[in-house]
Amino acid sequence: MSSCLWDFEDGVFRLELFLPEDYPMAPPKVRFLTKIYHPNIDKLGRICLDILKDKWSPALQIRTVLLSVQALLSSPNPDDPLATDVAKHYKENEKDAQRVSREWTEKFASA
């Protein structure tokens, strides 16, 4: 699968970062406030990312979390989706999924 289909480069995306009381023993909560068309980010902005769940370590830094979110934008994983409709669209029609992701970026994430 080609990561070039997901063109978020020109978008400005707002995220919410919440540090729970037991941080760093528990992972931070991160979600997108800007709408995004991505198989690993649902309509509520929740992110499917292993280091925000079972792969969390207190040794990880917030910088690492943000870099991991950035990497997820470049390399979506439609085989482990949070937004199953987007993943299905991607698998069935890559070019149309690319078109929709660009449209959403232009509409919701313009600077």
PDB file of N, CA and C in Angstrom:
ATOM      1  N   MET A   1       0.843  -1.176   0.000  1.00  0.00           N
ATOM      2  CA  MET A   1       0.000   0.000   0.000  1.00  0.00           C
ATOM      3  C   MET A   1       0.893   1.246   0.000  1.00  0.00           C
ATOM      4  N   SER A   2       0.473   2.202  -0.742  1.00  0.00           N
ATOM      5  CA  SER A   2       1.295   3.400  -0.904  1.00  0.00           C
ATOM      6  C   SER A   2       0.917   4.481   0.098  1.00  0.00           C
ATOM      7  N   SER A   3       1.916   4.967   0.831  1.00  0.00           N
ATOM      8  CA  SER A   3       1.649   6.026   1.805  1.00  0.00           C
ATOM      9  C   SER A   3       1.454   7.378   1.133  1.00  0.00           C
ATOM     10  N   CYS A   4       1.829   7.506  -0.138  1.00  0.00           N
ATOM     11  CA  CYS A   4       1.681   8.788  -0.816  1.00  0.00           C
ATOM     12  C   CYS A   4       0.212   9.147  -1.020  1.00  0.00           C
ATOM     13  N   LEU A   5      -0.683   8.191  -0.834  1.00  0.00           N
ATOM     14  CA  LEU A   5      -2.101   8.471  -0.975  1.00  0.00           C
ATOM     15  C   LEU A   5      -2.610   9.415   0.101  1.00  0.00           C
ATOM     16  N   TRP A   6      -1.920   9.459   1.205  1.00  0.00           N
ATOM     17  CA  TRP A   6      -2.404  10.231   2.340  1.00  0.00           C
ATOM     18  C   TRP A   6      -1.609  11.525   2.421  1.00  0.00           C
ATOM     19  N   ASP A   7      -2.158  12.561   1.805  1.00  0.00           N
ATOM     20  CA  ASP A   7      -1.462  13.833   1.686  1.00  0.00           C
ATOM     21  C   ASP A   7      -1.980  14.817   2.732  1.00  0.00           C
ATOM     22  N   PHE A   8      -1.361  14.793   3.911  1.00  0.00           N
ATOM     23  CA  PHE A   8      -1.743  15.695   4.987  1.00  0.00           C
ATOM     24  C   PHE A   8      -0.707  16.800   5.170  1.00  0.00           C
ATOM     25  N   GLU A   9       0.313  16.812   4.314  1.00  0.00           N
ATOM     26  CA  GLU A   9       1.470  17.688   4.488  1.00  0.00           C
ATOM     27  C   GLU A   9       1.108  19.166   4.596  1.00  0.00           C
ATOM     28  N   ASP A  10       0.150  19.618   3.817  1.00  0.00           N
ATOM     29  CA  ASP A  10      -0.200  21.039   3.823  1.00  0.00           C
ATOM     30  C   ASP A  10      -1.271  21.388   4.856  1.00  0.00           C
ATOM     31  N   GLY A  11      -1.712  20.397   5.611  1.00  0.00           N
ATOM     32  CA  GLY A  11      -2.751  20.642   6.603  1.00  0.00           C
ATOM     33  C   GLY A  11      -2.194  21.110   7.934  1.00  0.00           C
ATOM     34  N   VAL A  12      -3.014  21.861   8.651  1.00  0.00           N
ATOM     35  CA  VAL A  12      -2.688  22.276  10.013  1.00  0.00           C
ATOM     36  C   VAL A  12      -3.714  21.591  10.911  1.00  0.00           C
ATOM     37  N   PHE A  13      -3.252  20.630  11.689  1.00  0.00           N
ATOM     38  CA  PHE A  13      -4.139  19.815  12.510  1.00  0.00           C
ATOM     39  C   PHE A  13      -3.957  20.157  13.981  1.00  0.00           C
ATOM     40  N   ARG A  14      -5.070  20.390  14.657  1.00  0.00           N
ATOM     41  CA  ARG A  14      -5.042  20.662  16.098  1.00  0.00           C
ATOM     42  C   ARG A  14      -5.279  19.356  16.838  1.00  0.00           C
ATOM     43  N   LEU A  15      -4.482  19.149  17.874  1.00  0.00           N
ATOM     44  CA  LEU A  15      -4.629  17.969  18.711  1.00  0.00           C
ATOM     45  C   LEU A  15      -4.828  18.398  20.156  1.00  0.00           C
ATOM     46  N   GLU A  16      -5.471  17.536  20.908  1.00  0.00           N
ATOM     47  CA  GLU A  16      -5.622  17.741  22.342  1.00  0.00           C
ATOM     48  C   GLU A  16      -4.737  16.717  23.038  1.00  0.00           C
ATOM     49  N   LEU A  17      -3.948  17.182  23.979  1.00  0.00           N
ATOM     50  CA  LEU A  17      -3.042  16.315  24.732  1.00  0.00           C
ATOM     51  C   LEU A  17      -3.389  16.460  26.205  1.00  0.00           C
ATOM     52  N   PHE A  18      -3.739  15.347  26.827  1.00  0.00           N
ATOM     53  CA  PHE A  18      -4.115  15.350  28.239  1.00  0.00           C
ATOM     54  C   PHE A  18      -3.195  14.399  28.991  1.00  0.00           C
ATOM     55  N   LEU A  19      -2.592  14.896  30.049  1.00  0.00           N
ATOM     56  CA  LEU A  19      -1.735  14.056  30.884  1.00  0.00           C
ATOM     57  C   LEU A  19      -2.534  13.627  32.112  1.00  0.00           C
ATOM     58  N   PRO A  20      -2.824  12.329  32.239  1.00  0.00           N
ATOM     59  CA  PRO A  20      -3.587  11.865  33.396  1.00  0.00           C
ATOM     60  C   PRO A  20      -2.785  12.027  34.685  1.00  0.00           C
ATOM     61  N   GLU A  21      -3.473  11.952  35.786  1.00  0.00           N
ATOM     62  CA  GLU A  21      -2.842  12.148  37.089  1.00  0.00           C
ATOM     63  C   GLU A  21      -1.690  11.171  37.322  1.00  0.00           C
ATOM     64  N   ASP A  22      -1.821   9.949  36.800  1.00  0.00           N
ATOM     65  CA  ASP A  22      -0.780   8.942  37.017  1.00  0.00           C
ATOM     66  C   ASP A  22       0.276   8.905  35.904  1.00  0.00           C
ATOM     67  N   TYR A  23       0.310   9.940  35.050  1.00  0.00           N
ATOM     68  CA  TYR A  23       1.375  10.065  34.058  1.00  0.00           C
ATOM     69  C   TYR A  23       2.700  10.301  34.801  1.00  0.00           C
ATOM     70  N   PRO A  24       3.780   9.683  34.452  1.00  0.00           N
ATOM     71  CA  PRO A  24       4.068   8.933  33.235  1.00  0.00           C
ATOM     72  C   PRO A  24       3.823   7.422  33.336  1.00  0.00           C
ATOM     73  N   MET A  25       3.254   6.971  34.440  1.00  0.00           N
ATOM     74  CA  MET A  25       2.979   5.537  34.538  1.00  0.00           C
ATOM     75  C   MET A  25       1.871   5.122  33.567  1.00  0.00           C
ATOM     76  N   ALA A  26       0.974   6.031  33.259  1.00  0.00           N
ATOM     77  CA  ALA A  26      -0.096   5.799  32.287  1.00  0.00           C
ATOM     78  C   ALA A  26       0.161   6.685  31.072  1.00  0.00           C
ATOM     79  N   PRO A  27      -0.273   6.240  29.895  1.00  0.00           N
ATOM     80  CA  PRO A  27      -0.018   7.034  28.686  1.00  0.00           C
ATOM     81  C   PRO A  27      -0.837   8.318  28.660  1.00  0.00           C
ATOM     82  N   PRO A  28      -0.356   9.312  27.926  1.00  0.00           N
ATOM     83  CA  PRO A  28      -1.156  10.518  27.730  1.00  0.00           C
ATOM     84  C   PRO A  28      -2.360  10.188  26.852  1.00  0.00           C
ATOM     85  N   LYS A  29      -3.353  11.023  26.909  1.00  0.00           N
ATOM     86  CA  LYS A  29      -4.517  10.906  26.024  1.00  0.00           C
ATOM     87  C   LYS A  29      -4.327  11.944  24.927  1.00  0.00           C
ATOM     88  N   VAL A  30      -4.375  11.491  23.693  1.00  0.00           N
ATOM     89  CA  VAL A  30      -4.184  12.386  22.554  1.00  0.00           C
ATOM     90  C   VAL A  30      -5.336  12.158  21.586  1.00  0.00           C
ATOM     91  N   ARG A  31      -5.896  13.250  21.088  1.00  0.00           N
ATOM     92  CA  ARG A  31      -6.929  13.117  20.064  1.00  0.00           C
ATOM     93  C   ARG A  31      -6.871  14.313  19.124  1.00  0.00           C
ATOM     94  N   PHE A  32      -7.321  14.075  17.907  1.00  0.00           N
ATOM     95  CA  PHE A  32      -7.401  15.137  16.910  1.00  0.00           C
ATOM     96  C   PHE A  32      -8.646  15.973  17.165  1.00  0.00           C
ATOM     97  N   LEU A  33      -8.488  17.286  17.161  1.00  0.00           N
ATOM     98  CA  LEU A  33      -9.621  18.201  17.222  1.00  0.00           C
ATOM     99  C   LEU A  33     -10.059  18.587  15.812  1.00  0.00           C
ATOM    100  N   THR A  34      -9.128  18.502  14.871  1.00  0.00           N
ATOM    101  CA  THR A  34      -9.403  18.772  13.462  1.00  0.00           C
ATOM    102  C   THR A  34      -9.890  17.485  12.812  1.00  0.00           C
ATOM    103  N   LYS A  35     -10.972  17.591  12.030  1.00  0.00           N
ATOM    104  CA  LYS A  35     -11.467  16.409  11.314  1.00  0.00           C
ATOM    105  C   LYS A  35     -10.400  15.941  10.328  1.00  0.00           C
ATOM    106  N   ILE A  36     -10.264  14.619  10.242  1.00  0.00           N
ATOM    107  CA  ILE A  36      -9.254  14.037   9.363  1.00  0.00           C
ATOM    108  C   ILE A  36      -9.785  12.721   8.807  1.00  0.00           C
ATOM    109  N   TYR A  37      -9.486  12.455   7.548  1.00  0.00           N
ATOM    110  CA  TYR A  37      -9.917  11.223   6.887  1.00  0.00           C
ATOM    111  C   TYR A  37      -8.745  10.256   6.901  1.00  0.00           C
ATOM    112  N   HIS A  38      -8.737   9.362   7.871  1.00  0.00           N
ATOM    113  CA  HIS A  38      -7.598   8.471   8.106  1.00  0.00           C
ATOM    114  C   HIS A  38      -8.114   7.177   8.728  1.00  0.00           C
ATOM    115  N   PRO A  39      -7.629   6.023   8.288  1.00  0.00           N
ATOM    116  CA  PRO A  39      -8.158   4.759   8.816  1.00  0.00           C
ATOM    117  C   PRO A  39      -7.858   4.506  10.293  1.00  0.00           C
ATOM    118  N   ASN A  40      -6.860   5.169  10.841  1.00  0.00           N
ATOM    119  CA  ASN A  40      -6.468   4.920  12.234  1.00  0.00           C
ATOM    120  C   ASN A  40      -6.909   6.029  13.185  1.00  0.00           C
ATOM    121  N   ILE A  41      -7.766   6.932  12.692  1.00  0.00           N
ATOM    122  CA  ILE A  41      -8.296   8.030  13.506  1.00  0.00           C
ATOM    123  C   ILE A  41      -9.800   8.084  13.268  1.00  0.00           C
ATOM    124  N   ASP A  42     -10.578   7.959  14.346  1.00  0.00           N
ATOM    125  CA  ASP A  42     -12.026   7.913  14.162  1.00  0.00           C
ATOM    126  C   ASP A  42     -12.650   9.306  14.138  1.00  0.00           C
ATOM    127  N   LYS A  43     -13.971   9.334  13.979  1.00  0.00           N
ATOM    128  CA  LYS A  43     -14.697  10.606  13.858  1.00  0.00           C
ATOM    129  C   LYS A  43     -14.613  11.466  15.109  1.00  0.00           C
ATOM    130  N   LEU A  44     -14.320  10.852  16.245  1.00  0.00           N
ATOM    131  CA  LEU A  44     -14.167  11.601  17.495  1.00  0.00           C
ATOM    132  C   LEU A  44     -12.732  12.073  17.706  1.00  0.00           C
ATOM    133  N   GLY A  45     -11.849  11.741  16.755  1.00  0.00           N
ATOM    134  CA  GLY A  45     -10.456  12.162  16.845  1.00  0.00           C
ATOM    135  C   GLY A  45      -9.564  11.206  17.608  1.00  0.00           C
ATOM    136  N   ARG A  46     -10.136  10.094  18.071  1.00  0.00           N
ATOM    137  CA  ARG A  46      -9.330   9.116  18.805  1.00  0.00           C
ATOM    138  C   ARG A  46      -8.348   8.446  17.851  1.00  0.00           C
ATOM    139  N   ILE A  47      -7.179   8.134  18.373  1.00  0.00           N
ATOM    140  CA  ILE A  47      -6.081   7.626  17.556  1.00  0.00           C
ATOM    141  C   ILE A  47      -5.769   6.187  17.938  1.00  0.00           C
ATOM    142  N   CYS A  48      -5.673   5.330  16.942  1.00  0.00           N
ATOM    143  CA  CYS A  48      -5.268   3.944  17.161  1.00  0.00           C
ATOM    144  C   CYS A  48      -3.749   3.881  16.991  1.00  0.00           C
ATOM    145  N   LEU A  49      -3.058   3.906  18.117  1.00  0.00           N
ATOM    146  CA  LEU A  49      -1.599   3.918  18.113  1.00  0.00           C
ATOM    147  C   LEU A  49      -1.128   3.113  19.314  1.00  0.00           C
ATOM    148  N   ASP A  50      -0.317   2.098  19.059  1.00  0.00           N
ATOM    149  CA  ASP A  50       0.058   1.160  20.125  1.00  0.00           C
ATOM    150  C   ASP A  50       0.730   1.811  21.327  1.00  0.00           C
ATOM    151  N   ILE A  51       1.539   2.854  21.118  1.00  0.00           N
ATOM    152  CA  ILE A  51       2.219   3.458  22.277  1.00  0.00           C
ATOM    153  C   ILE A  51       1.270   4.281  23.150  1.00  0.00           C
ATOM    154  N   LEU A  52       0.062   4.519  22.657  1.00  0.00           N
ATOM    155  CA  LEU A  52      -0.940   5.192  23.486  1.00  0.00           C
ATOM    156  C   LEU A  52      -1.785   4.176  24.245  1.00  0.00           C
ATOM    157  N   LYS A  53      -1.456   2.906  24.051  1.00  0.00           N
ATOM    158  CA  LYS A  53      -2.219   1.842  24.705  1.00  0.00           C
ATOM    159  C   LYS A  53      -1.264   0.847  25.348  1.00  0.00           C
ATOM    160  N   ASP A  54      -1.240  -0.370  24.824  1.00  0.00           N
ATOM    161  CA  ASP A  54      -0.493  -1.469  25.459  1.00  0.00           C
ATOM    162  C   ASP A  54       1.024  -1.375  25.312  1.00  0.00           C
ATOM    163  N   LYS A  55       1.526  -0.581  24.405  1.00  0.00           N
ATOM    164  CA  LYS A  55       2.978  -0.452  24.222  1.00  0.00           C
ATOM    165  C   LYS A  55       3.554   0.782  24.930  1.00  0.00           C
ATOM    166  N   TRP A  56       2.770   1.398  25.800  1.00  0.00           N
ATOM    167  CA  TRP A  56       3.241   2.570  26.525  1.00  0.00           C
ATOM    168  C   TRP A  56       4.326   2.187  27.515  1.00  0.00           C
ATOM    169  N   SER A  57       5.310   3.064  27.659  1.00  0.00           N
ATOM    170  CA  SER A  57       6.365   2.914  28.656  1.00  0.00           C
ATOM    171  C   SER A  57       6.591   4.277  29.309  1.00  0.00           C
ATOM    172  N   PRO A  58       6.779   4.314  30.632  1.00  0.00           N
ATOM    173  CA  PRO A  58       7.060   5.587  31.298  1.00  0.00           C
ATOM    174  C   PRO A  58       8.331   6.268  30.779  1.00  0.00           C
ATOM    175  N   ALA A  59       9.183   5.517  30.097  1.00  0.00           N
ATOM    176  CA  ALA A  59      10.414   6.095  29.544  1.00  0.00           C
ATOM    177  C   ALA A  59      10.146   6.925  28.283  1.00  0.00           C
ATOM    178  N   LEU A  60       8.974   6.750  27.674  1.00  0.00           N
ATOM    179  CA  LEU A  60       8.648   7.502  26.464  1.00  0.00           C
ATOM    180  C   LEU A  60       8.351   8.957  26.808  1.00  0.00           C
ATOM    181  N   GLN A  61       8.727   9.831  25.904  1.00  0.00           N
ATOM    182  CA  GLN A  61       8.512  11.261  26.097  1.00  0.00           C
ATOM    183  C   GLN A  61       7.355  11.737  25.226  1.00  0.00           C
ATOM    184  N   ILE A  62       6.815  12.892  25.560  1.00  0.00           N
ATOM    185  CA  ILE A  62       5.741  13.484  24.759  1.00  0.00           C
ATOM    186  C   ILE A  62       6.220  13.698  23.325  1.00  0.00           C
ATOM    187  N   ARG A  63       7.461  14.079  23.161  1.00  0.00           N
ATOM    188  CA  ARG A  63       8.038  14.260  21.821  1.00  0.00           C
ATOM    189  C   ARG A  63       7.906  12.979  21.005  1.00  0.00           C
ATOM    190  N   THR A  64       8.170  11.836  21.636  1.00  0.00           N
ATOM    191  CA  THR A  64       8.059  10.540  20.965  1.00  0.00           C
ATOM    192  C   THR A  64       6.615  10.273  20.556  1.00  0.00           C
ATOM    193  N   VAL A  65       5.688  10.609  21.426  1.00  0.00           N
ATOM    194  CA  VAL A  65       4.268  10.426  21.117  1.00  0.00           C
ATOM    195  C   VAL A  65       3.886  11.255  19.895  1.00  0.00           C
ATOM    196  N   LEU A  66       4.273  12.516  19.880  1.00  0.00           N
ATOM    197  CA  LEU A  66       3.921  13.393  18.760  1.00  0.00           C
ATOM    198  C   LEU A  66       4.591  12.955  17.461  1.00  0.00           C
ATOM    199  N   LEU A  67       5.823  12.506  17.539  1.00  0.00           N
ATOM    200  CA  LEU A  67       6.500  11.987  16.343  1.00  0.00           C
ATOM    201  C   LEU A  67       5.821  10.718  15.838  1.00  0.00           C
ATOM    202  N   SER A  68       5.319   9.904  16.747  1.00  0.00           N
ATOM    203  CA  SER A  68       4.607   8.681  16.356  1.00  0.00           C
ATOM    204  C   SER A  68       3.285   9.008  15.672  1.00  0.00           C
ATOM    205  N   VAL A  69       2.597  10.020  16.163  1.00  0.00           N
ATOM    206  CA  VAL A  69       1.361  10.465  15.513  1.00  0.00           C
ATOM    207  C   VAL A  69       1.682  10.992  14.116  1.00  0.00           C
ATOM    208  N   GLN A  70       2.744  11.764  14.000  1.00  0.00           N
ATOM    209  CA  GLN A  70       3.164  12.284  12.695  1.00  0.00           C
ATOM    210  C   GLN A  70       3.497  11.134  11.740  1.00  0.00           C
ATOM    211  N   ALA A  71       4.184  10.124  12.232  1.00  0.00           N
ATOM    212  CA  ALA A  71       4.531   8.969  11.401  1.00  0.00           C
ATOM    213  C   ALA A  71       3.279   8.217  10.959  1.00  0.00           C
ATOM    214  N   LEU A  72       2.285   8.146  11.828  1.00  0.00           N
ATOM    215  CA  LEU A  72       1.033   7.472  11.478  1.00  0.00           C
ATOM    216  C   LEU A  72       0.342   8.181  10.317  1.00  0.00           C
ATOM    217  N   LEU A  73       0.455   9.498  10.261  1.00  0.00           N
ATOM    218  CA  LEU A  73      -0.126  10.233   9.138  1.00  0.00           C
ATOM    219  C   LEU A  73       0.552   9.846   7.830  1.00  0.00           C
ATOM    220  N   SER A  74       1.844   9.621   7.875  1.00  0.00           N
ATOM    221  CA  SER A  74       2.597   9.247   6.673  1.00  0.00           C
ATOM    222  C   SER A  74       2.382   7.795   6.282  1.00  0.00           C
ATOM    223  N   SER A  75       2.123   6.955   7.275  1.00  0.00           N
ATOM    224  CA  SER A  75       2.015   5.512   7.023  1.00  0.00           C
ATOM    225  C   SER A  75       0.789   4.934   7.720  1.00  0.00           C
ATOM    226  N   PRO A  76      -0.394   5.179   7.174  1.00  0.00           N
ATOM    227  CA  PRO A  76      -1.590   4.620   7.789  1.00  0.00           C
ATOM    228  C   PRO A  76      -1.586   3.098   7.708  1.00  0.00           C
ATOM    229  N   ASN A  77      -2.312   2.478   8.618  1.00  0.00           N
ATOM    230  CA  ASN A  77      -2.401   1.025   8.644  1.00  0.00           C
ATOM    231  C   ASN A  77      -3.864   0.610   8.489  1.00  0.00           C
ATOM    232  N   PRO A  78      -4.341   0.444   7.252  1.00  0.00           N
ATOM    233  CA  PRO A  78      -5.741   0.078   7.043  1.00  0.00           C
ATOM    234  C   PRO A  78      -6.065  -1.347   7.494  1.00  0.00           C
ATOM    235  N   ASP A  79      -5.044  -2.142   7.808  1.00  0.00           N
ATOM    236  CA  ASP A  79      -5.288  -3.502   8.291  1.00  0.00           C
ATOM    237  C   ASP A  79      -5.573  -3.547   9.787  1.00  0.00           C
ATOM    238  N   ASP A  80      -5.376  -2.429  10.488  1.00  0.00           N
ATOM    239  CA  ASP A  80      -5.686  -2.327  11.916  1.00  0.00           C
ATOM    240  C   ASP A  80      -6.396  -0.991  12.151  1.00  0.00           C
ATOM    241  N   PRO A  81      -7.596  -0.842  11.557  1.00  0.00           N
ATOM    242  CA  PRO A  81      -8.238   0.472  11.547  1.00  0.00           C
ATOM    243  C   PRO A  81      -9.031   0.781  12.811  1.00  0.00           C
ATOM    244  N   LEU A  82      -9.216   2.055  13.028  1.00  0.00           N
ATOM    245  CA  LEU A  82     -10.168   2.544  14.021  1.00  0.00           C
ATOM    246  C   LEU A  82     -11.403   3.060  13.278  1.00  0.00           C
ATOM    247  N   ALA A  83     -11.174   3.627  12.106  1.00  0.00           N
ATOM    248  CA  ALA A  83     -12.260   4.074  11.227  1.00  0.00           C
ATOM    249  C   ALA A  83     -12.409   3.022  10.127  1.00  0.00           C
ATOM    250  N   THR A  84     -13.241   2.031  10.391  1.00  0.00           N
ATOM    251  CA  THR A  84     -13.352   0.897   9.465  1.00  0.00           C
ATOM    252  C   THR A  84     -13.888   1.315   8.099  1.00  0.00           C
ATOM    253  N   ASP A  85     -14.750   2.330   8.061  1.00  0.00           N
ATOM    254  CA  ASP A  85     -15.278   2.789   6.782  1.00  0.00           C
ATOM    255  C   ASP A  85     -14.180   3.392   5.909  1.00  0.00           C
ATOM    256  N   VAL A  86     -13.269   4.128   6.516  1.00  0.00           N
ATOM    257  CA  VAL A  86     -12.155   4.729   5.769  1.00  0.00           C
ATOM    258  C   VAL A  86     -11.208   3.633   5.282  1.00  0.00           C
ATOM    259  N   ALA A  87     -10.924   2.660   6.134  1.00  0.00           N
ATOM    260  CA  ALA A  87     -10.047   1.553   5.745  1.00  0.00           C
ATOM    261  C   ALA A  87     -10.657   0.759   4.590  1.00  0.00           C
ATOM    262  N   LYS A  88     -11.953   0.526   4.663  1.00  0.00           N
ATOM    263  CA  LYS A  88     -12.638  -0.211   3.590  1.00  0.00           C
ATOM    264  C   LYS A  88     -12.560   0.580   2.288  1.00  0.00           C
ATOM    265  N   HIS A  89     -12.822   1.881   2.369  1.00  0.00           N
ATOM    266  CA  HIS A  89     -12.741   2.753   1.195  1.00  0.00           C
ATOM    267  C   HIS A  89     -11.338   2.692   0.587  1.00  0.00           C
ATOM    268  N   TYR A  90     -10.322   2.782   1.429  1.00  0.00           N
ATOM    269  CA  TYR A  90      -8.931   2.738   0.986  1.00  0.00           C
ATOM    270  C   TYR A  90      -8.623   1.431   0.265  1.00  0.00           C
ATOM    271  N   LYS A  91      -9.062   0.323   0.846  1.00  0.00           N
ATOM    272  CA  LYS A  91      -8.767  -0.984   0.245  1.00  0.00           C
ATOM    273  C   LYS A  91      -9.525  -1.199  -1.060  1.00  0.00           C
ATOM    274  N   GLU A  92     -10.737  -0.644  -1.158  1.00  0.00           N
ATOM    275  CA  GLU A  92     -11.561  -0.858  -2.345  1.00  0.00           C
ATOM    276  C   GLU A  92     -11.257   0.120  -3.475  1.00  0.00           C
ATOM    277  N   ASN A  93     -10.857   1.351  -3.133  1.00  0.00           N
ATOM    278  CA  ASN A  93     -10.635   2.363  -4.164  1.00  0.00           C
ATOM    279  C   ASN A  93      -9.612   3.382  -3.660  1.00  0.00           C
ATOM    280  N   GLU A  94      -8.348   3.063  -3.839  1.00  0.00           N
ATOM    281  CA  GLU A  94      -7.268   3.902  -3.319  1.00  0.00           C
ATOM    282  C   GLU A  94      -7.321   5.328  -3.852  1.00  0.00           C
ATOM    283  N   LYS A  95      -7.569   5.479  -5.148  1.00  0.00           N
ATOM    284  CA  LYS A  95      -7.572   6.819  -5.744  1.00  0.00           C
ATOM    285  C   LYS A  95      -8.691   7.683  -5.182  1.00  0.00           C
ATOM    286  N   ASP A  96      -9.850   7.104  -4.972  1.00  0.00           N
ATOM    287  CA  ASP A  96     -10.948   7.879  -4.417  1.00  0.00           C
ATOM    288  C   ASP A  96     -10.695   8.211  -2.945  1.00  0.00           C
ATOM    289  N   ALA A  97     -10.093   7.287  -2.213  1.00  0.00           N
ATOM    290  CA  ALA A  97      -9.734   7.564  -0.814  1.00  0.00           C
ATOM    291  C   ALA A  97      -8.727   8.713  -0.754  1.00  0.00           C
ATOM    292  N   GLN A  98      -7.796   8.732  -1.698  1.00  0.00           N
ATOM    293  CA  GLN A  98      -6.830   9.832  -1.781  1.00  0.00           C
ATOM    294  C   GLN A  98      -7.552  11.154  -2.024  1.00  0.00           C
ATOM    295  N   ARG A  99      -8.496  11.142  -2.936  1.00  0.00           N
ATOM    296  CA  ARG A  99      -9.260  12.356  -3.243  1.00  0.00           C
ATOM    297  C   ARG A  99      -9.990  12.868  -1.999  1.00  0.00           C
ATOM    298  N   VAL A 100     -10.647  11.969  -1.278  1.00  0.00           N
ATOM    299  CA  VAL A 100     -11.400  12.372  -0.087  1.00  0.00           C
ATOM    300  C   VAL A 100     -10.463  12.895   1.000  1.00  0.00           C
ATOM    301  N   SER A 101      -9.328  12.228   1.195  1.00  0.00           N
ATOM    302  CA  SER A 101      -8.395  12.691   2.235  1.00  0.00           C
ATOM    303  C   SER A 101      -7.867  14.087   1.903  1.00  0.00           C
ATOM    304  N   ARG A 102      -7.597  14.345   0.631  1.00  0.00           N
ATOM    305  CA  ARG A 102      -7.146  15.683   0.227  1.00  0.00           C
ATOM    306  C   ARG A 102      -8.247  16.718   0.415  1.00  0.00           C
ATOM    307  N   GLU A 103      -9.474  16.344   0.044  1.00  0.00           N
ATOM    308  CA  GLU A 103     -10.601  17.264   0.223  1.00  0.00           C
ATOM    309  C   GLU A 103     -10.789  17.623   1.694  1.00  0.00           C
ATOM    310  N   TRP A 104     -10.732  16.626   2.570  1.00  0.00           N
ATOM    311  CA  TRP A 104     -10.901  16.876   4.006  1.00  0.00           C
ATOM    312  C   TRP A 104      -9.771  17.753   4.536  1.00  0.00           C
ATOM    313  N   THR A 105      -8.558  17.497   4.067  1.00  0.00           N
ATOM    314  CA  THR A 105      -7.425  18.312   4.518  1.00  0.00           C
ATOM    315  C   THR A 105      -7.621  19.761   4.084  1.00  0.00           C
ATOM    316  N   GLU A 106      -8.032  19.965   2.832  1.00  0.00           N
ATOM    317  CA  GLU A 106      -8.270  21.325   2.336  1.00  0.00           C
ATOM    318  C   GLU A 106      -9.426  21.993   3.082  1.00  0.00           C
ATOM    319  N   LYS A 107     -10.479  21.241   3.357  1.00  0.00           N
ATOM    320  CA  LYS A 107     -11.678  21.806   3.978  1.00  0.00           C
ATOM    321  C   LYS A 107     -11.505  22.068   5.473  1.00  0.00           C
ATOM    322  N   PHE A 108     -10.904  21.123   6.191  1.00  0.00           N
ATOM    323  CA  PHE A 108     -10.874  21.206   7.652  1.00  0.00           C
ATOM    324  C   PHE A 108      -9.518  21.603   8.239  1.00  0.00           C
ATOM    325  N   ALA A 109      -8.445  21.474   7.446  1.00  0.00           N
ATOM    326  CA  ALA A 109      -7.106  21.694   8.011  1.00  0.00           C
ATOM    327  C   ALA A 109      -6.314  22.763   7.269  1.00  0.00           C
ATOM    328  N   SER A 110      -7.010  23.683   6.642  1.00  0.00           N
ATOM    329  CA  SER A 110      -6.306  24.767   5.949  1.00  0.00           C
ATOM    330  C   SER A 110      -5.797  25.784   6.958  1.00  0.00           C
ATOM    331  N   ALA A 111      -4.609  26.287   6.688  1.00  0.00           N
ATOM    332  CA  ALA A 111      -3.997  27.277   7.603  1.00  0.00           C
ATOM    333  C   ALA A 111      -4.682  28.619   7.511  1.00  0.00           C
TER     334      ALA A 111
END
